[in-house]
């Protein structure tokens, strides 16, 4: 298990999403997004329809290094990882508001 904070949570309405969910431990999905700065590991809500998934933030570069390698190799859609919100403090600094726990799945 690895615990890390999400960045850019203000940009993606993370507070509203988590207030709607109101449940720590809800599973989220990792996706590799490409932007002008390169590739970043983003965290999305799970949804029946992929267009309905909401982005809530990104892992910082240090925390994303290892996970990015697996996502680039095709281990996306949470085939290998489980990601759960383990702390949520809407009054904390933007980059310390949401903490997630990342688990490697035991049964693949």
C-alpha atoms as a PDB file:
ATOM      1  CA  UNK A   1       0.000   0.000   0.000  1.00  0.00           C
ATOM      2  CA  UNK A   2       1.150   3.510  -0.785  1.00  0.00           C
ATOM      3  CA  UNK A   3      -0.513   6.673   0.469  1.00  0.00           C
ATOM      4  CA  UNK A   4      -0.185   9.938  -1.427  1.00  0.00           C
ATOM      5  CA  UNK A   5      -1.893  13.290  -1.923  1.00  0.00           C
ATOM      6  CA  UNK A   6      -3.730  14.475  -4.998  1.00  0.00           C
ATOM      7  CA  UNK A   7      -2.788  17.725  -6.709  1.00  0.00           C
ATOM      8  CA  UNK A   8      -4.892  20.092  -8.806  1.00  0.00           C
ATOM      9  CA  UNK A   9      -8.038  19.178  -6.904  1.00  0.00           C
ATOM     10  CA  UNK A  10      -9.507  22.677  -7.307  1.00  0.00           C
ATOM     11  CA  UNK A  11      -9.316  22.440 -11.080  1.00  0.00           C
ATOM     12  CA  UNK A  12     -11.471  19.323 -11.229  1.00  0.00           C
ATOM     13  CA  UNK A  13     -14.274  19.978  -8.689  1.00  0.00           C
ATOM     14  CA  UNK A  14     -12.946  17.276  -6.388  1.00  0.00           C
ATOM     15  CA  UNK A  15     -14.629  18.755  -3.327  1.00  0.00           C
ATOM     16  CA  UNK A  16     -18.087  18.567  -4.894  1.00  0.00           C
ATOM     17  CA  UNK A  17     -17.501  15.015  -6.097  1.00  0.00           C
ATOM     18  CA  UNK A  18     -16.351  13.802  -2.682  1.00  0.00           C
ATOM     19  CA  UNK A  19     -19.204  15.560  -0.898  1.00  0.00           C
ATOM     20  CA  UNK A  20     -21.606  13.735  -3.226  1.00  0.00           C
ATOM     21  CA  UNK A  21     -19.980  10.391  -2.536  1.00  0.00           C
ATOM     22  CA  UNK A  22     -19.624  11.013   1.236  1.00  0.00           C
ATOM     23  CA  UNK A  23     -17.854   7.718   1.651  1.00  0.00           C
ATOM     24  CA  UNK A  24     -14.161   7.265   2.219  1.00  0.00           C
ATOM     25  CA  UNK A  25     -12.932   4.065   0.701  1.00  0.00           C
ATOM     26  CA  UNK A  26     -14.804   4.492  -2.585  1.00  0.00           C
ATOM     27  CA  UNK A  27     -12.773   3.078  -5.473  1.00  0.00           C
ATOM     28  CA  UNK A  28     -11.439   5.418  -8.144  1.00  0.00           C
ATOM     29  CA  UNK A  29      -9.755   4.777 -11.490  1.00  0.00           C
ATOM     30  CA  UNK A  30      -6.272   5.726 -12.660  1.00  0.00           C
ATOM     31  CA  UNK A  31      -5.855   7.014 -16.181  1.00  0.00           C
ATOM     32  CA  UNK A  32      -2.823   8.288 -18.008  1.00  0.00           C
ATOM     33  CA  UNK A  33      -3.611  11.746 -19.405  1.00  0.00           C
ATOM     34  CA  UNK A  34      -1.432  13.537 -21.914  1.00  0.00           C
ATOM     35  CA  UNK A  35      -1.144  17.327 -21.803  1.00  0.00           C
ATOM     36  CA  UNK A  36       1.346  20.000 -22.836  1.00  0.00           C
ATOM     37  CA  UNK A  37       3.596  19.121 -19.867  1.00  0.00           C
ATOM     38  CA  UNK A  38       3.720  15.442 -20.764  1.00  0.00           C
ATOM     39  CA  UNK A  39       1.903  12.512 -19.194  1.00  0.00           C
ATOM     40  CA  UNK A  40       0.265  12.603 -15.781  1.00  0.00           C
ATOM     41  CA  UNK A  41      -1.561  10.010 -13.741  1.00  0.00           C
ATOM     42  CA  UNK A  42      -5.099  11.238 -13.117  1.00  0.00           C
ATOM     43  CA  UNK A  43      -7.764   9.923 -10.798  1.00  0.00           C
ATOM     44  CA  UNK A  44     -11.363   9.575 -12.016  1.00  0.00           C
ATOM     45  CA  UNK A  45     -14.642   8.459 -10.512  1.00  0.00           C
ATOM     46  CA  UNK A  46     -16.019   5.161 -11.721  1.00  0.00           C
ATOM     47  CA  UNK A  47     -19.007   5.440 -14.046  1.00  0.00           C
ATOM     48  CA  UNK A  48     -21.073   3.118 -16.224  1.00  0.00           C
ATOM     49  CA  UNK A  49     -20.458   5.403 -19.162  1.00  0.00           C
ATOM     50  CA  UNK A  50     -16.780   6.541 -19.486  1.00  0.00           C
ATOM     51  CA  UNK A  51     -17.890  10.038 -20.534  1.00  0.00           C
ATOM     52  CA  UNK A  52     -19.629  10.429 -17.161  1.00  0.00           C
ATOM     53  CA  UNK A  53     -16.455   9.812 -15.137  1.00  0.00           C
ATOM     54  CA  UNK A  54     -15.271  12.924 -13.282  1.00  0.00           C
ATOM     55  CA  UNK A  55     -11.626  13.802 -12.853  1.00  0.00           C
ATOM     56  CA  UNK A  56     -10.808  14.718  -9.268  1.00  0.00           C
ATOM     57  CA  UNK A  57      -7.048  15.283  -9.363  1.00  0.00           C
ATOM     58  CA  UNK A  58      -3.613  14.012 -10.341  1.00  0.00           C
ATOM     59  CA  UNK A  59      -0.809  12.259  -8.504  1.00  0.00           C
ATOM     60  CA  UNK A  60       2.313  14.342  -8.061  1.00  0.00           C
ATOM     61  CA  UNK A  61       5.255  13.382 -10.260  1.00  0.00           C
ATOM     62  CA  UNK A  62       7.152  11.554  -7.512  1.00  0.00           C
ATOM     63  CA  UNK A  63       4.184   9.391  -6.506  1.00  0.00           C
ATOM     64  CA  UNK A  64       3.213   8.726 -10.124  1.00  0.00           C
ATOM     65  CA  UNK A  65       6.593   7.449 -11.388  1.00  0.00           C
ATOM     66  CA  UNK A  66       5.999   3.745 -10.757  1.00  0.00           C
ATOM     67  CA  UNK A  67       2.287   3.712 -11.536  1.00  0.00           C
ATOM     68  CA  UNK A  68       2.850   5.568 -14.810  1.00  0.00           C
ATOM     69  CA  UNK A  69       5.087   2.725 -16.044  1.00  0.00           C
ATOM     70  CA  UNK A  70       2.330   0.171 -15.482  1.00  0.00           C
ATOM     71  CA  UNK A  71      -0.320   2.346 -17.122  1.00  0.00           C
ATOM     72  CA  UNK A  72       1.924   2.882 -20.155  1.00  0.00           C
ATOM     73  CA  UNK A  73       2.324  -0.905 -20.408  1.00  0.00           C
ATOM     74  CA  UNK A  74      -1.450  -1.359 -20.631  1.00  0.00           C
ATOM     75  CA  UNK A  75      -2.327  -2.100 -17.005  1.00  0.00           C
ATOM     76  CA  UNK A  76      -5.067   0.529 -16.914  1.00  0.00           C
ATOM     77  CA  UNK A  77      -8.749   0.316 -15.938  1.00  0.00           C
ATOM     78  CA  UNK A  78      -7.678  -0.765 -12.445  1.00  0.00           C
ATOM     79  CA  UNK A  79      -6.544  -4.194 -13.588  1.00  0.00           C
ATOM     80  CA  UNK A  80      -3.561  -4.032 -11.245  1.00  0.00           C
ATOM     81  CA  UNK A  81      -4.316  -1.257  -8.733  1.00  0.00           C
ATOM     82  CA  UNK A  82      -7.077  -0.288  -6.361  1.00  0.00           C
ATOM     83  CA  UNK A  83      -7.237   3.345  -5.359  1.00  0.00           C
ATOM     84  CA  UNK A  84      -9.328   4.590  -2.454  1.00  0.00           C
ATOM     85  CA  UNK A  85      -9.695   7.978  -0.826  1.00  0.00           C
ATOM     86  CA  UNK A  86      -8.491   7.594   2.745  1.00  0.00           C
ATOM     87  CA  UNK A  87      -8.471  11.239   3.946  1.00  0.00           C
ATOM     88  CA  UNK A  88     -10.478  14.260   2.944  1.00  0.00           C
ATOM     89  CA  UNK A  89     -10.065  17.666   4.589  1.00  0.00           C
ATOM     90  CA  UNK A  90     -11.691  20.438   2.579  1.00  0.00           C
ATOM     91  CA  UNK A  91     -10.033  23.122   4.730  1.00  0.00           C
ATOM     92  CA  UNK A  92      -6.463  21.933   4.202  1.00  0.00           C
ATOM     93  CA  UNK A  93      -4.038  23.322   1.628  1.00  0.00           C
ATOM     94  CA  UNK A  94      -5.095  22.453  -1.940  1.00  0.00           C
ATOM     95  CA  UNK A  95      -2.369  19.848  -2.393  1.00  0.00           C
ATOM     96  CA  UNK A  96      -3.039  18.228   0.991  1.00  0.00           C
ATOM     97  CA  UNK A  97      -6.859  18.040   0.902  1.00  0.00           C
ATOM     98  CA  UNK A  98      -7.264  14.576  -0.498  1.00  0.00           C
ATOM     99  CA  UNK A  99      -5.116  11.597   0.377  1.00  0.00           C
ATOM    100  CA  UNK A 100      -5.489   8.320  -1.474  1.00  0.00           C
ATOM    101  CA  UNK A 101      -4.297   4.832  -0.677  1.00  0.00           C
ATOM    102  CA  UNK A 102      -3.050   2.772  -3.597  1.00  0.00           C
ATOM    103  CA  UNK A 103      -3.137  -1.002  -3.310  1.00  0.00           C
ATOM    104  CA  UNK A 104      -1.766  -3.656  -5.647  1.00  0.00           C
ATOM    105  CA  UNK A 105      -4.461  -6.239  -6.318  1.00  0.00           C
ATOM    106  CA  UNK A 106      -3.621  -9.679  -5.002  1.00  0.00           C
ATOM    107  CA  UNK A 107      -5.752 -11.733  -7.369  1.00  0.00           C
ATOM    108  CA  UNK A 108      -5.201 -10.818 -11.002  1.00  0.00           C
END
